[in-house]
Amino acid sequence: MNTFVIKERLNHIPHVNSYLDAVNGQLELGDRMECHALTSMSERRAVRRKYSKFISRVINFWAYMWHDVCPKIRITRKLYFLLAGEKHRMYSRTEILGRICRAGFRIVDEAYKGPALCITAEKVSEPLPRNKTCVSPIVKLPRVGKDGKIVGIYKFRTMHSYAQYLQQYIYERNHLREGGKFKNDFRVNIWGKILRPLWLDELPMLWNWIKGDLKLVGVRPLSEQYFSLYSPEMQQLRTSVKPGLIPPFYYEKQTPKDLDAIQASERRYLEAYIKHPFRTDWRYFWGTVANILFGRKHSY
C-alpha cells in the first residue's frame, strides 16, 4: 500500500478537483492519500478569538458572503475569481470531504490538529463525474423514482456544497436518528436549519410535480444510497408507484422512529393506494393537513 502526501493546504491549490483527480490517477486501488486544509469554521473561530463579538460577527458574515456565496452565484462568480483567483479558497468541512470522496476516495480518518483538518483517504474508485449543480443555490438531486428510474428532484440548497458525496460516510459514521434522517448531520448549513423545519427547502419540488415526476401524495423519492437500506420487497413496492410531495410519514399519529417503522408506514400507504388510489390519497392528504395544523407535525 502506497501513501501520497499532499504537503500544501488544499485551500491553496488552484483547480483542486482536477488536482485530486490527478492524484487518483497516480494511485492503485487501496492506496492512500494524506492531506490537510483550513475549514471555514476554523477561520471563523480564529476571527472570534482576535476581535470583539460584534466585529467578529461582521467580519465572518462578509467573509462568508464573499468566499462562500459569491463563487456559487453566476452573476458574481466571474468577479470573485477575477479578484481572488483560485488560491486561498474557503471550504467547509463538508466541502473538503465531499470533494475528496467525489475524486474516488473513501475517508479513513479525519481529525483537527490545531486549526487544520487532517485527512487520510483511500482510493476506492475512479473519480466520479462532476455535478454542475454542486455549488448552485437550487440543486438537482438524483432520486429513485417509479420503475427504478433515476429522476432529478429540485430543492433549495440546505447543505454545504458536495454534501451528496458523503451520504455513505455519514451513514457509516452516525447511522440514523428518529424520523429516519442521519444523526448529527454536519452537512446541513445555516440556511438548512431555518428552511427545513418549515418545508421551504422543498418548494422547487413543485416543478417536479408540474412536470409529472411526482404526485401530490406519496412516498418520498430517495437517494440510491438511502434506497439501498430498504428491504428488497419494499424496494419493489416503492418503485411500483410514483413518489410524491407529501409523504405518509406525516399522516401517522405516532412519528416513525426508525427505518423499520418508516417502511411499515410506507407499506400501509402503498398497499392501500394500489387498491384505491384516489380514496387513499384524499384520506392521507387531509389527515396530513390536520396533523400539521393541530398535531404539530414538522419536517426534520
Protein backbone atom coordinates (compact mmCIF):
# COMPACT_ATOMS: atom_id res chain seq x y z
CA MET A 1 0.00 0.00 0.00
CA ASN A 2 1.43 3.37 -1.07
CA THR A 3 0.64 6.73 0.53
CA PHE A 4 0.60 10.01 -1.39
CA VAL A 5 1.17 13.00 0.90
CA ILE A 6 -0.07 16.44 -0.18
CA LYS A 7 2.06 18.94 1.71
CA GLU A 8 0.29 22.10 0.58
CA ARG A 9 -3.09 23.01 2.05
CA LEU A 10 -5.97 22.18 -0.24
CA ASN A 11 -7.13 25.79 0.15
CA HIS A 12 -4.02 26.95 -1.73
CA ILE A 13 -4.24 24.53 -4.67
CA PRO A 14 -5.81 26.00 -7.84
CA HIS A 15 -8.47 23.81 -9.51
CA VAL A 16 -8.45 21.45 -6.55
CA ASN A 17 -10.89 19.00 -8.17
CA SER A 18 -8.57 18.50 -11.14
CA TYR A 19 -5.64 18.12 -8.77
CA LEU A 20 -7.39 15.42 -6.71
CA ASP A 21 -8.37 13.62 -9.92
CA ALA A 22 -4.70 13.65 -10.96
CA VAL A 23 -3.65 12.24 -7.57
CA ASN A 24 -6.23 9.47 -8.01
CA GLY A 25 -4.67 8.62 -11.37
CA GLN A 26 -1.28 8.06 -9.74
CA LEU A 27 -2.60 5.59 -7.16
CA GLU A 28 -3.80 2.00 -7.25
CA LEU A 29 -6.96 0.78 -5.53
CA GLY A 30 -6.26 0.55 -1.79
CA ASP A 31 -3.50 3.19 -1.85
CA ARG A 32 -3.91 6.14 0.48
CA MET A 33 -3.69 9.91 0.32
CA GLU A 34 -2.94 12.26 3.22
CA CYS A 35 -3.86 15.93 3.02
CA HIS A 36 -4.91 18.88 5.16
CA ALA A 37 -6.92 22.09 4.86
CA LEU A 38 -8.24 25.01 6.86
CA THR A 39 -12.01 24.86 7.24
CA SER A 40 -14.29 27.87 7.26
CA MET A 41 -15.19 27.01 10.87
CA SER A 42 -11.51 27.19 11.88
CA GLU A 43 -11.15 30.59 10.25
CA ARG A 44 -14.32 31.91 11.93
CA ARG A 45 -13.05 30.73 15.31
CA ALA A 46 -9.71 32.49 14.71
CA VAL A 47 -11.56 35.75 13.98
CA ARG A 48 -13.69 35.38 17.13
CA ARG A 49 -10.57 34.94 19.25
CA LYS A 50 -8.96 38.05 17.76
CA TYR A 51 -11.85 40.53 17.73
CA SER A 52 -14.85 41.52 19.85
CA LYS A 53 -18.13 39.67 19.39
CA PHE A 54 -19.71 42.40 17.24
CA ILE A 55 -16.70 42.97 15.00
CA SER A 56 -16.05 39.24 14.56
CA ARG A 57 -19.66 38.68 13.50
CA VAL A 58 -19.39 41.43 10.89
CA ILE A 59 -16.09 40.08 9.55
CA ASN A 60 -17.32 36.49 9.46
CA PHE A 61 -20.56 37.45 7.74
CA TRP A 62 -18.81 39.30 4.94
CA ALA A 63 -16.16 36.59 4.66
CA TYR A 64 -18.96 34.04 4.26
CA MET A 65 -20.73 36.17 1.63
CA TRP A 66 -17.52 36.77 -0.31
CA HIS A 67 -15.78 33.41 -0.11
CA ASP A 68 -18.76 31.05 0.10
CA VAL A 69 -21.72 32.74 -1.61
CA CYS A 70 -20.14 34.81 -4.40
CA PRO A 71 -18.30 31.88 -6.06
CA LYS A 72 -21.59 29.97 -6.24
CA ILE A 73 -23.76 32.66 -7.90
CA ARG A 74 -23.46 33.10 -11.64
CA ILE A 75 -23.53 36.92 -11.68
CA THR A 76 -20.75 37.22 -9.06
CA ARG A 77 -18.69 34.12 -9.84
CA LYS A 78 -16.51 35.71 -12.54
CA LEU A 79 -15.86 38.78 -10.40
CA TYR A 80 -14.83 36.63 -7.45
CA PHE A 81 -12.30 34.57 -9.40
CA LEU A 82 -11.02 37.69 -11.17
CA LEU A 83 -10.22 39.37 -7.85
CA ALA A 84 -9.48 36.41 -5.58
CA GLY A 85 -8.22 33.81 -8.01
CA GLU A 86 -8.35 30.07 -7.33
CA LYS A 87 -5.99 30.20 -4.36
CA HIS A 88 -6.86 30.82 -0.70
CA ARG A 89 -10.37 29.40 -1.09
CA MET A 90 -12.60 28.95 1.95
CA TYR A 91 -14.08 25.47 2.28
CA SER A 92 -16.43 23.98 4.84
CA ARG A 93 -15.54 20.62 6.36
CA THR A 94 -18.32 19.09 4.26
CA GLU A 95 -16.99 20.53 1.02
CA ILE A 96 -13.43 19.37 1.68
CA LEU A 97 -14.50 15.80 2.49
CA GLY A 98 -17.06 15.77 -0.34
CA ARG A 99 -14.51 16.88 -2.94
CA ILE A 100 -12.19 14.09 -1.80
CA CYS A 101 -14.96 11.46 -2.00
CA ARG A 102 -16.03 12.69 -5.45
CA ALA A 103 -12.46 12.18 -6.59
CA GLY A 104 -12.81 8.45 -5.87
CA PHE A 105 -11.59 8.24 -2.27
CA ARG A 106 -13.07 6.89 0.96
CA ILE A 107 -12.42 8.85 4.15
CA VAL A 108 -10.41 6.64 6.51
CA ASP A 109 -9.72 9.20 9.24
CA GLU A 110 -10.14 12.91 9.89
CA ALA A 111 -9.03 14.98 12.85
CA TYR A 112 -8.22 18.57 13.69
CA LYS A 113 -4.59 19.24 14.50
CA GLY A 114 -4.58 22.84 15.60
CA PRO A 115 -6.65 24.82 13.08
CA ALA A 116 -6.05 22.33 10.24
CA LEU A 117 -8.28 19.41 9.36
CA CYS A 118 -6.01 16.45 8.57
CA ILE A 119 -7.47 13.72 6.40
CA THR A 120 -6.44 10.20 5.43
CA ALA A 121 -8.32 8.78 2.44
CA GLU A 122 -8.18 5.52 0.49
CA LYS A 123 -8.67 5.16 -3.26
CA VAL A 124 -11.76 3.03 -3.92
CA SER A 125 -12.73 4.01 -7.47
CA GLU A 126 -12.07 6.31 -10.38
CA PRO A 127 -13.24 9.94 -9.93
CA LEU A 128 -16.98 10.44 -10.22
CA PRO A 129 -18.45 12.87 -12.79
CA ARG A 130 -18.60 16.46 -11.63
CA ASN A 131 -22.10 17.73 -10.91
CA LYS A 132 -22.55 21.26 -12.23
CA THR A 133 -25.30 21.94 -9.67
CA CYS A 134 -22.89 21.14 -6.86
CA VAL A 135 -22.46 24.80 -5.92
CA SER A 136 -25.76 26.34 -7.05
CA PRO A 137 -28.49 27.69 -4.71
CA ILE A 138 -31.00 25.28 -6.27
CA VAL A 139 -29.79 21.70 -6.57
CA LYS A 140 -30.98 18.88 -8.80
CA LEU A 141 -30.63 15.68 -6.81
CA PRO A 142 -30.73 12.19 -8.36
CA ARG A 143 -33.52 10.17 -6.76
CA VAL A 144 -35.10 6.76 -7.35
CA GLY A 145 -38.50 7.17 -9.00
CA LYS A 146 -41.18 4.93 -10.49
CA ASP A 147 -39.90 1.71 -12.07
CA GLY A 148 -36.47 2.43 -10.57
CA LYS A 149 -35.86 5.33 -12.98
CA ILE A 150 -33.48 8.00 -11.66
CA VAL A 151 -35.15 11.42 -11.72
CA GLY A 152 -33.70 14.83 -10.87
CA ILE A 153 -35.51 16.35 -7.88
CA TYR A 154 -35.14 20.11 -7.34
CA LYS A 155 -34.65 21.61 -3.87
CA PHE A 156 -33.19 24.72 -2.33
CA ARG A 157 -29.69 24.01 -1.08
CA THR A 158 -29.77 23.27 2.65
CA MET A 159 -26.42 21.51 2.79
CA HIS A 160 -22.88 22.58 2.14
CA SER A 161 -21.52 22.00 -1.35
CA TYR A 162 -20.53 18.42 -2.24
CA ALA A 163 -22.68 17.02 0.60
CA GLN A 164 -24.21 14.38 -1.68
CA TYR A 165 -20.89 12.56 -1.96
CA LEU A 166 -20.82 11.97 1.81
CA GLN A 167 -24.05 10.01 2.26
CA GLN A 168 -22.36 6.65 2.75
CA TYR A 169 -19.73 8.18 5.05
CA ILE A 170 -22.40 9.86 7.22
CA TYR A 171 -24.46 6.67 7.44
CA GLU A 172 -21.48 4.51 8.42
CA ARG A 173 -20.29 7.09 10.95
CA ASN A 174 -23.54 8.34 12.52
CA HIS A 175 -26.35 5.97 11.39
CA LEU A 176 -29.96 7.18 11.57
CA ARG A 177 -31.85 9.15 14.18
CA GLU A 178 -35.57 9.25 14.99
CA GLY A 179 -37.54 10.04 11.86
CA GLY A 180 -35.10 8.28 9.56
CA LYS A 181 -32.68 11.15 8.95
CA PHE A 182 -28.94 10.90 9.58
CA LYS A 183 -27.76 11.61 13.12
CA ASN A 184 -25.56 14.66 13.76
CA ASP A 185 -25.53 15.56 10.08
CA PHE A 186 -22.81 18.22 9.87
CA ARG A 187 -23.58 18.68 6.16
CA VAL A 188 -26.61 20.89 6.92
CA ASN A 189 -25.78 24.59 6.53
CA ILE A 190 -27.18 27.57 8.44
CA TRP A 191 -29.95 28.10 5.86
CA GLY A 192 -30.97 24.47 6.15
CA LYS A 193 -31.58 24.83 9.87
CA ILE A 194 -34.06 27.62 9.06
CA LEU A 195 -35.70 26.28 5.88
CA ARG A 196 -36.05 22.58 6.69
CA PRO A 197 -38.45 22.73 9.68
CA LEU A 198 -40.78 24.92 7.55
CA TRP A 199 -40.54 22.75 4.39
CA LEU A 200 -39.39 25.82 2.46
CA ASP A 201 -36.43 23.90 1.02
CA GLU A 202 -38.91 21.71 -0.87
CA LEU A 203 -40.68 24.50 -2.78
CA PRO A 204 -38.70 23.82 -6.01
CA MET A 205 -40.15 20.29 -5.96
CA LEU A 206 -43.39 21.85 -7.19
CA TRP A 207 -41.68 21.99 -10.59
CA ASN A 208 -41.22 18.20 -10.41
CA TRP A 209 -44.93 17.91 -9.62
CA ILE A 210 -45.83 20.09 -12.63
CA LYS A 211 -43.51 18.02 -14.85
CA GLY A 212 -45.12 14.79 -13.66
CA ASP A 213 -42.10 13.36 -11.82
CA LEU A 214 -44.08 13.39 -8.55
CA LYS A 215 -47.69 13.21 -7.47
CA LEU A 216 -49.11 15.27 -4.61
CA VAL A 217 -49.23 12.48 -2.00
CA GLY A 218 -46.76 9.62 -1.97
CA VAL A 219 -43.56 8.17 -0.57
CA ARG A 220 -40.53 10.43 -0.76
CA PRO A 221 -38.13 9.96 -3.66
CA LEU A 222 -34.95 8.56 -2.09
CA SER A 223 -31.29 8.73 -2.96
CA GLU A 224 -29.78 5.49 -4.23
CA GLN A 225 -27.76 5.11 -1.02
CA TYR A 226 -30.81 5.52 1.24
CA PHE A 227 -32.94 3.38 -1.08
CA SER A 228 -30.38 0.55 -0.70
CA LEU A 229 -31.17 0.41 3.05
CA TYR A 230 -34.74 -0.75 2.32
CA SER A 231 -35.69 -4.41 2.11
CA PRO A 232 -35.88 -5.87 -1.44
CA GLU A 233 -39.64 -6.31 -1.04
CA MET A 234 -40.11 -2.65 -0.09
CA GLN A 235 -37.83 -1.52 -2.89
CA GLN A 236 -40.04 -3.34 -5.38
CA LEU A 237 -43.24 -2.00 -3.80
CA ARG A 238 -41.87 1.56 -3.72
CA THR A 239 -40.85 1.61 -7.38
CA SER A 240 -44.26 0.32 -8.49
CA VAL A 241 -45.80 3.70 -7.61
CA LYS A 242 -44.81 7.26 -8.49
CA PRO A 243 -43.27 9.08 -5.46
CA GLY A 244 -44.92 12.17 -4.03
CA LEU A 245 -44.52 15.56 -2.42
CA ILE A 246 -46.39 14.77 0.82
CA PRO A 247 -45.12 11.53 2.42
CA PRO A 248 -47.29 9.16 4.52
CA PHE A 249 -44.82 9.85 7.36
CA TYR A 250 -46.90 12.89 8.36
CA TYR A 251 -50.22 11.05 8.26
CA GLU A 252 -49.27 8.73 11.13
CA LYS A 253 -50.35 9.71 14.63
CA GLN A 254 -47.11 8.35 16.06
CA THR A 255 -43.95 9.51 14.33
CA PRO A 256 -41.98 6.51 12.97
CA LYS A 257 -38.75 6.35 14.99
CA ASP A 258 -36.54 4.10 12.89
CA LEU A 259 -36.19 2.71 9.39
CA ASP A 260 -38.31 -0.37 10.13
CA ALA A 261 -41.17 1.82 11.35
CA ILE A 262 -40.84 4.08 8.31
CA GLN A 263 -41.01 1.10 5.97
CA ALA A 264 -44.08 -0.21 7.81
CA SER A 265 -45.74 3.21 7.48
CA GLU A 266 -44.95 3.39 3.77
CA ARG A 267 -46.13 -0.19 3.22
CA ARG A 268 -49.56 0.65 4.72
CA TYR A 269 -49.88 3.62 2.38
CA LEU A 270 -48.64 1.83 -0.76
CA GLU A 271 -50.83 -1.25 -0.31
CA ALA A 272 -53.87 0.96 0.29
CA TYR A 273 -53.01 3.18 -2.69
CA ILE A 274 -52.66 0.23 -5.09
CA LYS A 275 -56.20 -0.89 -4.15
CA HIS A 276 -57.87 2.54 -4.04
CA PRO A 277 -55.62 5.31 -5.47
CA PHE A 278 -57.89 8.39 -5.28
CA ARG A 279 -59.55 7.46 -1.98
CA THR A 280 -56.20 6.76 -0.30
CA ASP A 281 -54.53 10.00 -1.44
CA TRP A 282 -57.60 12.02 -0.45
CA ARG A 283 -57.59 10.48 3.04
CA TYR A 284 -53.82 10.87 3.50
CA PHE A 285 -53.80 14.46 2.25
CA TRP A 286 -56.42 15.75 4.68
CA GLY A 287 -55.08 13.61 7.52
CA THR A 288 -51.63 15.11 6.98
CA VAL A 289 -53.03 18.66 6.90
CA ALA A 290 -54.80 18.01 10.22
CA ASN A 291 -51.65 16.59 11.81
CA ILE A 292 -49.57 19.55 10.70
CA LEU A 293 -52.10 22.16 11.85
CA PHE A 294 -53.26 20.53 15.07
CA GLY A 295 -50.78 17.76 15.80
CA ARG A 296 -47.70 19.94 15.44
CA LYS A 297 -46.04 17.72 12.90
CA HIS A 298 -42.93 19.28 11.39
CA SER A 299 -40.16 18.48 8.96
CA TYR A 300 -36.86 17.05 10.21
